[in-house]
Structure formats: C-alpha cells, structure tokens
Amino acid sequence: MPQTTDQTTPVSVPPPDYLSRDQWAGLTLAVISGAMEGVERAGLPGAWSSGLGVAAVKGLRGRLDVLMAEGGTSDG
C-alpha cells in the first residue's frame, strides 16, 4: 500500500505568562520527548508522535492554567 505524506499545518501552543520562555521551552521539550518515546515503545506509527506530542503539550498547558487559577503560584 502506498504511503502518503500529508502536510499538516504547524500547531503552536502559546507559552503562559506565568512561566519564563526558558521554563516553557524546557517543559514542552520534555513532554514532546516523552510522547515520542511512548509512541516508539508502543510500536505506533512514527508519524503519530508529532500529533500526540502537540496534544500532550496542549493538555499540559490547560492543566497548568487550572492549577494557576486555583492559586498555585510558587517560586521555587
């Protein structure tokens, strides 16, 4: 069966204003790396890692927003 290469539009998740640029970059890199490793370990198609990584970062951002709204600010 022939493989197709669908071009997807890059999806970005904007950084929250309560994290520094470096904090957000490090956090998203770790989440995406974890998603890629999970895809590989599960034997899923490699093309899935990008979409799953973005979904994981979106979910993380949403949860961070909830925690911050609940008053979870902490310097540390």
Protein backbone atom coordinates (compact mmCIF):
# COMPACT_ATOMS: atom_id res chain seq x y z
CA MET A 1 0.00 0.00 0.00
CA PRO A 2 1.50 3.38 -0.95
CA GLN A 3 2.35 5.78 1.84
CA THR A 4 1.18 9.37 1.66
CA THR A 5 2.83 12.36 3.23
CA ASP A 6 0.07 14.66 4.35
CA GLN A 7 1.36 18.09 5.22
CA THR A 8 -0.13 19.34 8.43
CA THR A 9 -0.24 22.93 9.50
CA PRO A 10 2.15 23.55 12.37
CA VAL A 11 0.26 23.92 15.60
CA SER A 12 1.71 26.02 18.35
CA VAL A 13 0.73 26.22 21.96
CA PRO A 14 1.42 29.71 23.25
CA PRO A 15 3.54 29.98 26.39
CA PRO A 16 1.77 31.01 29.55
CA ASP A 17 2.64 34.38 31.07
CA TYR A 18 3.46 32.76 34.42
CA LEU A 19 6.47 30.80 33.07
CA SER A 20 9.67 32.17 31.60
CA ARG A 21 10.47 31.42 27.98
CA ASP A 22 13.19 29.01 29.09
CA GLN A 23 10.88 27.22 31.53
CA TRP A 24 8.22 26.75 28.85
CA ALA A 25 10.74 25.59 26.26
CA GLY A 26 12.23 23.03 28.65
CA LEU A 27 8.83 21.78 29.75
CA THR A 28 7.45 21.38 26.24
CA LEU A 29 10.63 19.69 25.04
CA ALA A 30 10.37 17.15 27.87
CA VAL A 31 6.69 16.48 27.15
CA ILE A 32 7.24 16.05 23.41
CA SER A 33 10.25 13.79 24.03
CA GLY A 34 8.12 11.66 26.34
CA ALA A 35 5.37 11.42 23.74
CA MET A 36 7.87 10.38 21.08
CA GLU A 37 9.35 7.73 23.37
CA GLY A 38 5.88 6.42 24.19
CA VAL A 39 4.96 6.16 20.51
CA GLU A 40 8.18 4.28 19.84
CA ARG A 41 7.74 1.89 22.79
CA ALA A 42 4.13 1.18 21.84
CA GLY A 43 5.11 0.41 18.26
CA LEU A 44 2.75 3.05 16.88
CA PRO A 45 3.38 4.73 13.54
CA GLY A 46 6.19 7.27 13.92
CA ALA A 47 4.12 9.98 12.25
CA TRP A 48 1.79 9.90 15.25
CA SER A 49 4.43 11.29 17.61
CA SER A 50 4.05 14.85 16.37
CA GLY A 51 0.28 14.99 16.82
CA LEU A 52 0.40 13.21 20.15
CA GLY A 53 3.19 15.49 21.33
CA VAL A 54 1.18 18.61 20.49
CA ALA A 55 -1.90 17.14 22.18
CA ALA A 56 0.16 16.40 25.30
CA VAL A 57 1.53 19.96 25.40
CA LYS A 58 -1.98 21.39 24.94
CA GLY A 59 -3.24 19.21 27.78
CA LEU A 60 -0.34 20.24 29.98
CA ARG A 61 -0.96 23.92 29.25
CA GLY A 62 -4.64 23.53 30.09
CA ARG A 63 -3.86 21.80 33.39
CA LEU A 64 -1.23 24.41 34.30
CA ASP A 65 -3.79 27.15 33.68
CA VAL A 66 -6.25 25.42 36.03
CA LEU A 67 -3.63 25.00 38.74
CA MET A 68 -2.58 28.63 38.47
CA ALA A 69 -6.21 29.80 38.59
CA GLU A 70 -6.60 27.82 41.81
CA GLY A 71 -3.79 29.87 43.32
CA GLY A 72 -0.87 27.56 42.74
CA THR A 73 1.81 30.21 42.31
CA SER A 74 5.13 29.17 43.74
CA ASP A 75 8.64 30.45 43.43
CA GLY A 76 10.95 27.53 43.51
